[in-house]
Every structure is written in structure tokens, then in C-alpha cells.
């Protein structure tokens, strides 16, 4: 479960739930719900914030987590979308730009 992985990594780093929430710039209650398994569908943006704050990757957080919808559901992006994203990257769009764009 992704929440257990986050909690284990957090504890391994010696972070309190408050510290991780502050560093990831997310609410403590949101993080608590993730860790307790009450929220099993975090967005990639949230996972990126948590992973960055734990000095790890999203892949590490979801590795082996078959309950993660991103791993068990049909791909959300079809070939047309993947080509569009590839073109945006070729044209200079960064990951940060893409994340900021998705917030709007």
C-alpha cells in the first residue's frame, strides 16, 4: 500500500508527519489519510511533492503497489496524448511547467 510506503520512508528519514507535510506543502490531514489508507488515489502532483520531500522518486513510492490505480487501471494517455506531451517536451516544456499548467 502506498500509504505504508510513505510512512516507512518518512520514519526512516526521521521525519514527523508534521515535518513531511510542511516540506511537501500539503496538509497534515491529507498526508495522514494517505498513510492510513483512507486515500488510495493521490494525484501525481501530490506524489511528486511527497517523493521530493523524502528525497526519492514517485517510482519508489508506487513500486510493487498493485493497489495504486495508476498501475492497475487502463492507461489514461493514448498515443495521441503521448505524442503531444513528447512534442511539448521537445519544444522546451519542463516538468515544472507541466505541473504548473495542470494546476490551472
PDB file of N, CA and C in Angstrom:
ATOM      1  N   UNK A   1       0.836  -1.183   0.000  1.00  0.00           N
ATOM      2  CA  UNK A   1       0.000   0.000   0.000  1.00  0.00           C
ATOM      3  C   UNK A   1       0.876   1.241   0.000  1.00  0.00           C
ATOM      4  N   UNK A   2       0.495   2.206  -0.801  1.00  0.00           N
ATOM      5  CA  UNK A   2       1.310   3.403  -0.978  1.00  0.00           C
ATOM      6  C   UNK A   2       1.460   4.196   0.326  1.00  0.00           C
ATOM      7  N   UNK A   3       0.410   4.234   1.129  1.00  0.00           N
ATOM      8  CA  UNK A   3       0.472   4.950   2.402  1.00  0.00           C
ATOM      9  C   UNK A   3       1.490   4.352   3.357  1.00  0.00           C
ATOM     10  N   UNK A   4       1.552   3.028   3.379  1.00  0.00           N
ATOM     11  CA  UNK A   4       2.536   2.352   4.230  1.00  0.00           C
ATOM     12  C   UNK A   4       3.956   2.670   3.772  1.00  0.00           C
ATOM     13  N   UNK A   5       4.151   2.702   2.455  1.00  0.00           N
ATOM     14  CA  UNK A   5       5.474   3.003   1.909  1.00  0.00           C
ATOM     15  C   UNK A   5       5.881   4.421   2.283  1.00  0.00           C
ATOM     16  N   UNK A   6       4.954   5.365   2.163  1.00  0.00           N
ATOM     17  CA  UNK A   6       5.239   6.757   2.528  1.00  0.00           C
ATOM     18  C   UNK A   6       5.598   6.843   4.010  1.00  0.00           C
ATOM     19  N   UNK A   7       4.805   6.183   4.838  1.00  0.00           N
ATOM     20  CA  UNK A   7       5.059   6.223   6.284  1.00  0.00           C
ATOM     21  C   UNK A   7       6.419   5.605   6.617  1.00  0.00           C
ATOM     22  N   UNK A   8       6.725   4.460   6.008  1.00  0.00           N
ATOM     23  CA  UNK A   8       8.011   3.804   6.282  1.00  0.00           C
ATOM     24  C   UNK A   8       9.183   4.686   5.862  1.00  0.00           C
ATOM     25  N   UNK A   9       9.085   5.294   4.690  1.00  0.00           N
ATOM     26  CA  UNK A   9      10.157   6.187   4.238  1.00  0.00           C
ATOM     27  C   UNK A   9      10.262   7.415   5.132  1.00  0.00           C
ATOM     28  N   UNK A  10       9.104   7.937   5.552  1.00  0.00           N
ATOM     29  CA  UNK A  10       9.098   9.102   6.441  1.00  0.00           C
ATOM     30  C   UNK A  10       9.796   8.780   7.756  1.00  0.00           C
ATOM     31  N   UNK A  11       9.445   7.639   8.334  1.00  0.00           N
ATOM     32  CA  UNK A  11      10.054   7.246   9.607  1.00  0.00           C
ATOM     33  C   UNK A  11      11.541   6.945   9.450  1.00  0.00           C
ATOM     34  N   UNK A  12      11.904   6.339   8.325  1.00  0.00           N
ATOM     35  CA  UNK A  12      13.307   6.036   8.058  1.00  0.00           C
ATOM     36  C   UNK A  12      14.131   7.320   7.994  1.00  0.00           C
ATOM     37  N   UNK A  13      13.533   8.388   7.480  1.00  0.00           N
ATOM     38  CA  UNK A  13      14.199   9.695   7.409  1.00  0.00           C
ATOM     39  C   UNK A  13      14.165  10.427   8.752  1.00  0.00           C
ATOM     40  N   UNK A  14      13.363   9.915   9.696  1.00  0.00           N
ATOM     41  CA  UNK A  14      13.238  10.567  10.994  1.00  0.00           C
ATOM     42  C   UNK A  14      12.318  11.770  10.981  1.00  0.00           C
ATOM     43  N   UNK A  15      11.430  11.826   9.995  1.00  0.00           N
ATOM     44  CA  UNK A  15      10.508  12.951   9.864  1.00  0.00           C
ATOM     45  C   UNK A  15       9.218  12.669  10.618  1.00  0.00           C
ATOM     46  N   UNK A  16       8.705  13.686  11.272  1.00  0.00           N
ATOM     47  CA  UNK A  16       7.360  13.591  11.836  1.00  0.00           C
ATOM     48  C   UNK A  16       6.381  13.813  10.691  1.00  0.00           C
ATOM     49  N   UNK A  17       5.139  13.462  10.912  1.00  0.00           N
ATOM     50  CA  UNK A  17       4.130  13.685   9.882  1.00  0.00           C
ATOM     51  C   UNK A  17       3.972  15.189   9.616  1.00  0.00           C
ATOM     52  N   UNK A  18       4.130  15.992  10.658  1.00  0.00           N
ATOM     53  CA  UNK A  18       4.045  17.448  10.520  1.00  0.00           C
ATOM     54  C   UNK A  18       5.172  17.976   9.647  1.00  0.00           C
ATOM     55  N   UNK A  19       6.374  17.493   9.885  1.00  0.00           N
ATOM     56  CA  UNK A  19       7.528  17.969   9.107  1.00  0.00           C
ATOM     57  C   UNK A  19       7.368  17.615   7.622  1.00  0.00           C
ATOM     58  N   UNK A  20       6.978  16.362   7.335  1.00  0.00           N
ATOM     59  CA  UNK A  20       6.824  15.973   5.943  1.00  0.00           C
ATOM     60  C   UNK A  20       5.723  16.790   5.268  1.00  0.00           C
ATOM     61  N   UNK A  21       4.615  16.975   5.962  1.00  0.00           N
ATOM     62  CA  UNK A  21       3.515  17.760   5.396  1.00  0.00           C
ATOM     63  C   UNK A  21       3.981  19.185   5.081  1.00  0.00           C
ATOM     64  N   UNK A  22       4.736  19.781   5.993  1.00  0.00           N
ATOM     65  CA  UNK A  22       5.237  21.138   5.764  1.00  0.00           C
ATOM     66  C   UNK A  22       6.218  21.181   4.602  1.00  0.00           C
ATOM     67  N   UNK A  23       7.149  20.227   4.548  1.00  0.00           N
ATOM     68  CA  UNK A  23       8.145  20.217   3.478  1.00  0.00           C
ATOM     69  C   UNK A  23       7.512  19.944   2.117  1.00  0.00           C
ATOM     70  N   UNK A  24       6.468  19.106   2.096  1.00  0.00           N
ATOM     71  CA  UNK A  24       5.798  18.778   0.839  1.00  0.00           C
ATOM     72  C   UNK A  24       4.745  19.828   0.480  1.00  0.00           C
ATOM     73  N   UNK A  25       4.489  20.723   1.404  1.00  0.00           N
ATOM     74  CA  UNK A  25       3.474  21.766   1.208  1.00  0.00           C
ATOM     75  C   UNK A  25       2.088  21.161   0.951  1.00  0.00           C
ATOM     76  N   UNK A  26       1.754  20.169   1.783  1.00  0.00           N
ATOM     77  CA  UNK A  26       0.426  19.557   1.746  1.00  0.00           C
ATOM     78  C   UNK A  26      -0.111  19.545   3.165  1.00  0.00           C
ATOM     79  N   UNK A  27      -1.402  19.326   3.307  1.00  0.00           N
ATOM     80  CA  UNK A  27      -1.972  19.348   4.654  1.00  0.00           C
ATOM     81  C   UNK A  27      -1.599  18.078   5.423  1.00  0.00           C
ATOM     82  N   UNK A  28      -1.466  18.264   6.695  1.00  0.00           N
ATOM     83  CA  UNK A  28      -1.151  17.148   7.581  1.00  0.00           C
ATOM     84  C   UNK A  28      -2.263  16.095   7.527  1.00  0.00           C
ATOM     85  N   UNK A  29      -3.506  16.543   7.461  1.00  0.00           N
ATOM     86  CA  UNK A  29      -4.624  15.591   7.422  1.00  0.00           C
ATOM     87  C   UNK A  29      -4.618  14.784   6.121  1.00  0.00           C
ATOM     88  N   UNK A  30      -4.249  15.432   4.995  1.00  0.00           N
ATOM     89  CA  UNK A  30      -4.171  14.713   3.716  1.00  0.00           C
ATOM     90  C   UNK A  30      -3.108  13.619   3.814  1.00  0.00           C
ATOM     91  N   UNK A  31      -1.948  13.973   4.344  1.00  0.00           N
ATOM     92  CA  UNK A  31      -0.859  13.010   4.497  1.00  0.00           C
ATOM     93  C   UNK A  31      -1.262  11.882   5.445  1.00  0.00           C
ATOM     94  N   UNK A  32      -1.923  12.229   6.529  1.00  0.00           N
ATOM     95  CA  UNK A  32      -2.394  11.230   7.483  1.00  0.00           C
ATOM     96  C   UNK A  32      -3.370  10.256   6.830  1.00  0.00           C
ATOM     97  N   UNK A  33      -4.286  10.782   6.023  1.00  0.00           N
ATOM     98  CA  UNK A  33      -5.241   9.917   5.327  1.00  0.00           C
ATOM     99  C   UNK A  33      -4.526   8.986   4.351  1.00  0.00           C
ATOM    100  N   UNK A  34      -3.500   9.490   3.682  1.00  0.00           N
ATOM    101  CA  UNK A  34      -2.724   8.636   2.785  1.00  0.00           C
ATOM    102  C   UNK A  34      -2.066   7.497   3.557  1.00  0.00           C
ATOM    103  N   UNK A  35      -1.399   7.861   4.644  1.00  0.00           N
ATOM    104  CA  UNK A  35      -0.673   6.862   5.425  1.00  0.00           C
ATOM    105  C   UNK A  35      -1.600   5.813   6.039  1.00  0.00           C
ATOM    106  N   UNK A  36      -2.802   6.213   6.395  1.00  0.00           N
ATOM    107  CA  UNK A  36      -3.758   5.281   6.995  1.00  0.00           C
ATOM    108  C   UNK A  36      -4.534   4.487   5.956  1.00  0.00           C
ATOM    109  N   UNK A  37      -4.318   4.787   4.681  1.00  0.00           N
ATOM    110  CA  UNK A  37      -5.018   4.075   3.628  1.00  0.00           C
ATOM    111  C   UNK A  37      -6.435   4.568   3.381  1.00  0.00           C
ATOM    112  N   UNK A  38      -6.772   5.725   3.925  1.00  0.00           N
ATOM    113  CA  UNK A  38      -8.101   6.284   3.717  1.00  0.00           C
ATOM    114  C   UNK A  38      -8.204   6.982   2.371  1.00  0.00           C
ATOM    115  N   UNK A  39      -7.058   7.290   1.796  1.00  0.00           N
ATOM    116  CA  UNK A  39      -6.987   7.863   0.449  1.00  0.00           C
ATOM    117  C   UNK A  39      -5.972   7.037  -0.325  1.00  0.00           C
ATOM    118  N   UNK A  40      -6.448   6.240  -1.270  1.00  0.00           N
ATOM    119  CA  UNK A  40      -5.559   5.385  -2.051  1.00  0.00           C
ATOM    120  C   UNK A  40      -5.376   5.867  -3.479  1.00  0.00           C
ATOM    121  N   UNK A  41      -5.759   7.111  -3.753  1.00  0.00           N
ATOM    122  CA  UNK A  41      -5.681   7.606  -5.116  1.00  0.00           C
ATOM    123  C   UNK A  41      -5.090   9.018  -5.164  1.00  0.00           C
ATOM    124  N   UNK A  42      -3.851   9.185  -4.680  1.00  0.00           N
ATOM    125  CA  UNK A  42      -3.251  10.522  -4.720  1.00  0.00           C
ATOM    126  C   UNK A  42      -2.894  10.907  -6.149  1.00  0.00           C
ATOM    127  N   UNK A  43      -2.919  12.184  -6.430  1.00  0.00           N
ATOM    128  CA  UNK A  43      -2.545  12.669  -7.757  1.00  0.00           C
ATOM    129  C   UNK A  43      -1.030  12.553  -7.931  1.00  0.00           C
ATOM    130  N   UNK A  44      -0.603  12.579  -9.176  1.00  0.00           N
ATOM    131  CA  UNK A  44       0.832  12.550  -9.444  1.00  0.00           C
ATOM    132  C   UNK A  44       1.516  13.780  -8.863  1.00  0.00           C
ATOM    133  N   UNK A  45       0.809  14.900  -8.856  1.00  0.00           N
ATOM    134  CA  UNK A  45       1.374  16.127  -8.285  1.00  0.00           C
ATOM    135  C   UNK A  45       1.648  15.943  -6.789  1.00  0.00           C
ATOM    136  N   UNK A  46       0.708  15.345  -6.079  1.00  0.00           N
ATOM    137  CA  UNK A  46       0.906  15.106  -4.643  1.00  0.00           C
ATOM    138  C   UNK A  46       2.035  14.103  -4.417  1.00  0.00           C
ATOM    139  N   UNK A  47       2.052  13.040  -5.225  1.00  0.00           N
ATOM    140  CA  UNK A  47       3.124  12.052  -5.087  1.00  0.00           C
ATOM    141  C   UNK A  47       4.484  12.682  -5.359  1.00  0.00           C
ATOM    142  N   UNK A  48       4.539  13.581  -6.322  1.00  0.00           N
ATOM    143  CA  UNK A  48       5.793  14.258  -6.636  1.00  0.00           C
ATOM    144  C   UNK A  48       6.250  15.113  -5.461  1.00  0.00           C
ATOM    145  N   UNK A  49       5.332  15.833  -4.838  1.00  0.00           N
ATOM    146  CA  UNK A  49       5.681  16.664  -3.681  1.00  0.00           C
ATOM    147  C   UNK A  49       6.216  15.803  -2.535  1.00  0.00           C
ATOM    148  N   UNK A  50       5.538  14.688  -2.279  1.00  0.00           N
ATOM    149  CA  UNK A  50       5.944  13.807  -1.181  1.00  0.00           C
ATOM    150  C   UNK A  50       7.286  13.158  -1.501  1.00  0.00           C
ATOM    151  N   UNK A  51       7.417  12.639  -2.719  1.00  0.00           N
ATOM    152  CA  UNK A  51       8.665  11.979  -3.115  1.00  0.00           C
ATOM    153  C   UNK A  51       9.842  12.947  -3.025  1.00  0.00           C
ATOM    154  N   UNK A  52       9.661  14.159  -3.520  1.00  0.00           N
ATOM    155  CA  UNK A  52      10.741  15.157  -3.472  1.00  0.00           C
ATOM    156  C   UNK A  52      11.137  15.458  -2.033  1.00  0.00           C
ATOM    157  N   UNK A  53      10.159  15.585  -1.165  1.00  0.00           N
ATOM    158  CA  UNK A  53      10.439  15.896   0.243  1.00  0.00           C
ATOM    159  C   UNK A  53      11.134  14.745   0.953  1.00  0.00           C
ATOM    160  N   UNK A  54      10.904  13.525   0.473  1.00  0.00           N
ATOM    161  CA  UNK A  54      11.556  12.345   1.053  1.00  0.00           C
ATOM    162  C   UNK A  54      12.846  11.988   0.303  1.00  0.00           C
ATOM    163  N   UNK A  55      13.212  12.819  -0.658  1.00  0.00           N
ATOM    164  CA  UNK A  55      14.418  12.609  -1.471  1.00  0.00           C
ATOM    165  C   UNK A  55      14.386  11.240  -2.159  1.00  0.00           C
ATOM    166  N   UNK A  56      13.247  10.960  -2.776  1.00  0.00           N
ATOM    167  CA  UNK A  56      13.072   9.715  -3.512  1.00  0.00           C
ATOM    168  C   UNK A  56      12.288  10.029  -4.787  1.00  0.00           C
ATOM    169  N   UNK A  57      11.799   9.000  -5.436  1.00  0.00           N
ATOM    170  CA  UNK A  57      11.054   9.185  -6.678  1.00  0.00           C
ATOM    171  C   UNK A  57       9.637   8.656  -6.530  1.00  0.00           C
ATOM    172  N   UNK A  58       8.783   9.068  -7.443  1.00  0.00           N
ATOM    173  CA  UNK A  58       7.425   8.529  -7.463  1.00  0.00           C
ATOM    174  C   UNK A  58       7.474   7.024  -7.697  1.00  0.00           C
ATOM    175  N   UNK A  59       8.365   6.601  -8.572  1.00  0.00           N
ATOM    176  CA  UNK A  59       8.512   5.164  -8.842  1.00  0.00           C
ATOM    177  C   UNK A  59       8.764   4.384  -7.565  1.00  0.00           C
ATOM    178  N   UNK A  60       9.624   4.918  -6.712  1.00  0.00           N
ATOM    179  CA  UNK A  60       9.935   4.253  -5.441  1.00  0.00           C
ATOM    180  C   UNK A  60       8.689   4.171  -4.556  1.00  0.00           C
ATOM    181  N   UNK A  61       7.880   5.236  -4.563  1.00  0.00           N
ATOM    182  CA  UNK A  61       6.677   5.234  -3.728  1.00  0.00           C
ATOM    183  C   UNK A  61       5.645   4.212  -4.187  1.00  0.00           C
ATOM    184  N   UNK A  62       5.520   4.031  -5.506  1.00  0.00           N
ATOM    185  CA  UNK A  62       4.471   3.139  -6.004  1.00  0.00           C
ATOM    186  C   UNK A  62       4.984   1.750  -6.379  1.00  0.00           C
ATOM    187  N   UNK A  63       6.295   1.543  -6.302  1.00  0.00           N
ATOM    188  CA  UNK A  63       6.868   0.251  -6.664  1.00  0.00           C
ATOM    189  C   UNK A  63       6.224  -0.886  -5.884  1.00  0.00           C
ATOM    190  N   UNK A  64       5.714  -1.849  -6.625  1.00  0.00           N
ATOM    191  CA  UNK A  64       5.116  -3.025  -6.005  1.00  0.00           C
ATOM    192  C   UNK A  64       3.737  -2.793  -5.422  1.00  0.00           C
ATOM    193  N   UNK A  65       3.189  -1.608  -5.598  1.00  0.00           N
ATOM    194  CA  UNK A  65       1.872  -1.285  -5.034  1.00  0.00           C
ATOM    195  C   UNK A  65       0.788  -1.584  -6.058  1.00  0.00           C
ATOM    196  N   UNK A  66       0.257  -2.796  -6.026  1.00  0.00           N
ATOM    197  CA  UNK A  66      -0.750  -3.175  -7.017  1.00  0.00           C
ATOM    198  C   UNK A  66      -2.094  -2.518  -6.749  1.00  0.00           C
ATOM    199  N   UNK A  67      -2.236  -1.866  -5.596  1.00  0.00           N
ATOM    200  CA  UNK A  67      -3.494  -1.172  -5.318  1.00  0.00           C
ATOM    201  C   UNK A  67      -3.502   0.234  -5.906  1.00  0.00           C
ATOM    202  N   UNK A  68      -2.364   0.678  -6.419  1.00  0.00           N
ATOM    203  CA  UNK A  68      -2.276   2.021  -6.993  1.00  0.00           C
ATOM    204  C   UNK A  68      -3.009   2.038  -8.325  1.00  0.00           C
ATOM    205  N   UNK A  69      -4.057   2.862  -8.471  1.00  0.00           N
ATOM    206  CA  UNK A  69      -4.828   2.887  -9.711  1.00  0.00           C
ATOM    207  C   UNK A  69      -3.980   3.154 -10.949  1.00  0.00           C
ATOM    208  N   UNK A  70      -2.920   3.925 -10.797  1.00  0.00           N
ATOM    209  CA  UNK A  70      -2.063   4.212 -11.948  1.00  0.00           C
ATOM    210  C   UNK A  70      -1.418   2.947 -12.495  1.00  0.00           C
ATOM    211  N   UNK A  71      -1.276   1.931 -11.655  1.00  0.00           N
ATOM    212  CA  UNK A  71      -0.646   0.694 -12.102  1.00  0.00           C
ATOM    213  C   UNK A  71      -1.650  -0.366 -12.530  1.00  0.00           C
ATOM    214  N   UNK A  72      -2.872  -0.299 -12.044  1.00  0.00           N
ATOM    215  CA  UNK A  72      -3.831  -1.359 -12.305  1.00  0.00           C
ATOM    216  C   UNK A  72      -4.906  -0.993 -13.307  1.00  0.00           C
ATOM    217  N   UNK A  73      -5.092   0.294 -13.571  1.00  0.00           N
ATOM    218  CA  UNK A  73      -6.140   0.695 -14.493  1.00  0.00           C
ATOM    219  C   UNK A  73      -5.584   0.789 -15.906  1.00  0.00           C
ATOM    220  N   UNK A  74      -6.479   0.955 -16.857  1.00  0.00           N
ATOM    221  CA  UNK A  74      -6.070   1.152 -18.234  1.00  0.00           C
ATOM    222  C   UNK A  74      -5.285   2.449 -18.323  1.00  0.00           C
ATOM    223  N   UNK A  75      -4.338   2.515 -19.253  1.00  0.00           N
ATOM    224  CA  UNK A  75      -3.589   3.764 -19.407  1.00  0.00           C
ATOM    225  C   UNK A  75      -4.533   4.933 -19.675  1.00  0.00           C
ATOM    226  N   UNK A  76      -4.265   6.043 -19.035  1.00  0.00           N
ATOM    227  CA  UNK A  76      -5.091   7.227 -19.184  1.00  0.00           C
ATOM    228  C   UNK A  76      -4.720   7.952 -20.480  1.00  0.00           C
ATOM    229  N   UNK A  77      -3.450   7.862 -20.871  1.00  0.00           N
ATOM    230  CA  UNK A  77      -2.974   8.564 -22.053  1.00  0.00           C
ATOM    231  C   UNK A  77      -2.926   7.629 -23.249  1.00  0.00           C
ATOM    232  N   UNK A  78      -3.555   8.044 -24.331  1.00  0.00           N
ATOM    233  CA  UNK A  78      -3.442   7.268 -25.558  1.00  0.00           C
ATOM    234  C   UNK A  78      -2.242   7.789 -26.348  1.00  0.00           C
ATOM    235  N   UNK A  79      -1.977   7.182 -27.486  1.00  0.00           N
ATOM    236  CA  UNK A  79      -0.816   7.539 -28.288  1.00  0.00           C
ATOM    237  C   UNK A  79      -0.819   9.013 -28.684  1.00  0.00           C
ATOM    238  N   UNK A  80      -1.983   9.543 -29.012  1.00  0.00           N
ATOM    239  CA  UNK A  80      -2.083  10.949 -29.405  1.00  0.00           C
ATOM    240  C   UNK A  80      -1.613  11.873 -28.274  1.00  0.00           C
ATOM    241  N   UNK A  81      -2.038  11.579 -27.042  1.00  0.00           N
ATOM    242  CA  UNK A  81      -1.629  12.389 -25.894  1.00  0.00           C
ATOM    243  C   UNK A  81      -0.132  12.243 -25.634  1.00  0.00           C
ATOM    244  N   UNK A  82       0.365  11.032 -25.727  1.00  0.00           N
ATOM    245  CA  UNK A  82       1.796  10.824 -25.503  1.00  0.00           C
ATOM    246  C   UNK A  82       2.624  11.593 -26.536  1.00  0.00           C
ATOM    247  N   UNK A  83       2.182  11.598 -27.790  1.00  0.00           N
ATOM    248  CA  UNK A  83       2.884  12.352 -28.830  1.00  0.00           C
ATOM    249  C   UNK A  83       2.809  13.848 -28.560  1.00  0.00           C
ATOM    250  N   UNK A  84       1.668  14.305 -28.067  1.00  0.00           N
ATOM    251  CA  UNK A  84       1.517  15.720 -27.732  1.00  0.00           C
ATOM    252  C   UNK A  84       2.472  16.126 -26.613  1.00  0.00           C
ATOM    253  N   UNK A  85       2.568  15.299 -25.609  1.00  0.00           N
ATOM    254  CA  UNK A  85       3.481  15.582 -24.492  1.00  0.00           C
ATOM    255  C   UNK A  85       4.921  15.542 -24.983  1.00  0.00           C
ATOM    256  N   UNK A  86       5.234  14.555 -25.806  1.00  0.00           N
ATOM    257  CA  UNK A  86       6.589  14.458 -26.352  1.00  0.00           C
ATOM    258  C   UNK A  86       6.947  15.721 -27.139  1.00  0.00           C
ATOM    259  N   UNK A  87       6.011  16.209 -27.934  1.00  0.00           N
ATOM    260  CA  UNK A  87       6.250  17.434 -28.717  1.00  0.00           C
ATOM    261  C   UNK A  87       6.442  18.635 -27.796  1.00  0.00           C
ATOM    262  N   UNK A  88       5.640  18.715 -26.741  1.00  0.00           N
ATOM    263  CA  UNK A  88       5.785  19.824 -25.792  1.00  0.00           C
ATOM    264  C   UNK A  88       7.170  19.807 -25.144  1.00  0.00           C
ATOM    265  N   UNK A  89       7.643  18.621 -24.795  1.00  0.00           N
ATOM    266  CA  UNK A  89       8.975  18.495 -24.197  1.00  0.00           C
ATOM    267  C   UNK A  89      10.043  18.898 -25.218  1.00  0.00           C
ATOM    268  N   UNK A  90       9.875  18.448 -26.445  1.00  0.00           N
ATOM    269  CA  UNK A  90      10.828  18.826 -27.496  1.00  0.00           C
ATOM    270  C   UNK A  90      10.842  20.332 -27.723  1.00  0.00           C
ATOM    271  N   UNK A  91       9.701  20.971 -27.522  1.00  0.00           N
ATOM    272  CA  UNK A  91       9.596  22.418 -27.703  1.00  0.00           C
ATOM    273  C   UNK A  91      10.055  23.197 -26.466  1.00  0.00           C
ATOM    274  N   UNK A  92      10.512  22.472 -25.429  1.00  0.00           N
ATOM    275  CA  UNK A  92      11.087  23.133 -24.264  1.00  0.00           C
ATOM    276  C   UNK A  92      10.255  23.105 -22.996  1.00  0.00           C
ATOM    277  N   UNK A  93       9.105  22.438 -23.001  1.00  0.00           N
ATOM    278  CA  UNK A  93       8.291  22.386 -21.782  1.00  0.00           C
ATOM    279  C   UNK A  93       9.003  21.508 -20.743  1.00  0.00           C
ATOM    280  N   UNK A  94       9.117  22.023 -19.543  1.00  0.00           N
ATOM    281  CA  UNK A  94       9.741  21.271 -18.456  1.00  0.00           C
ATOM    282  C   UNK A  94       8.670  20.588 -17.609  1.00  0.00           C
ATOM    283  N   UNK A  95       9.114  19.689 -16.750  1.00  0.00           N
ATOM    284  CA  UNK A  95       8.198  19.006 -15.832  1.00  0.00           C
ATOM    285  C   UNK A  95       7.497  20.037 -14.946  1.00  0.00           C
ATOM    286  N   UNK A  96       8.255  21.023 -14.492  1.00  0.00           N
ATOM    287  CA  UNK A  96       7.675  22.061 -13.633  1.00  0.00           C
ATOM    288  C   UNK A  96       6.586  22.839 -14.382  1.00  0.00           C
ATOM    289  N   UNK A  97       6.857  23.170 -15.654  1.00  0.00           N
ATOM    290  CA  UNK A  97       5.849  23.865 -16.460  1.00  0.00           C
ATOM    291  C   UNK A  97       4.581  23.031 -16.578  1.00  0.00           C
ATOM    292  N   UNK A  98       4.760  21.743 -16.837  1.00  0.00           N
ATOM    293  CA  UNK A  98       3.618  20.850 -16.994  1.00  0.00           C
ATOM    294  C   UNK A  98       2.815  20.757 -15.693  1.00  0.00           C
ATOM    295  N   UNK A  99       3.509  20.634 -14.566  1.00  0.00           N
ATOM    296  CA  UNK A  99       2.809  20.571 -13.282  1.00  0.00           C
ATOM    297  C   UNK A  99       2.072  21.875 -13.002  1.00  0.00           C
ATOM    298  N   UNK A 100       2.702  22.995 -13.286  1.00  0.00           N
ATOM    299  CA  UNK A 100       2.045  24.289 -13.092  1.00  0.00           C
ATOM    300  C   UNK A 100       0.858  24.445 -14.016  1.00  0.00           C
ATOM    301  N   UNK A 101       0.981  23.965 -15.242  1.00  0.00           N
ATOM    302  CA  UNK A 101      -0.112  24.032 -16.204  1.00  0.00           C
ATOM    303  C   UNK A 101      -1.300  23.230 -15.729  1.00  0.00           C
ATOM    304  N   UNK A 102      -1.063  22.070 -15.123  1.00  0.00           N
ATOM    305  CA  UNK A 102      -2.169  21.208 -14.698  1.00  0.00           C
ATOM    306  C   UNK A 102      -2.916  21.761 -13.496  1.00  0.00           C
ATOM    307  N   UNK A 103      -2.323  22.702 -12.789  1.00  0.00           N
ATOM    308  CA  UNK A 103      -2.971  23.306 -11.621  1.00  0.00           C
ATOM    309  C   UNK A 103      -4.069  24.263 -12.064  1.00  0.00           C
ATOM    310  N   UNK A 104      -3.877  24.881 -13.197  1.00  0.00           N
ATOM    311  CA  UNK A 104      -4.797  25.917 -13.676  1.00  0.00           C
ATOM    312  C   UNK A 104      -6.144  25.354 -14.003  1.00  0.00           C
TER     313      UNK A 104
END
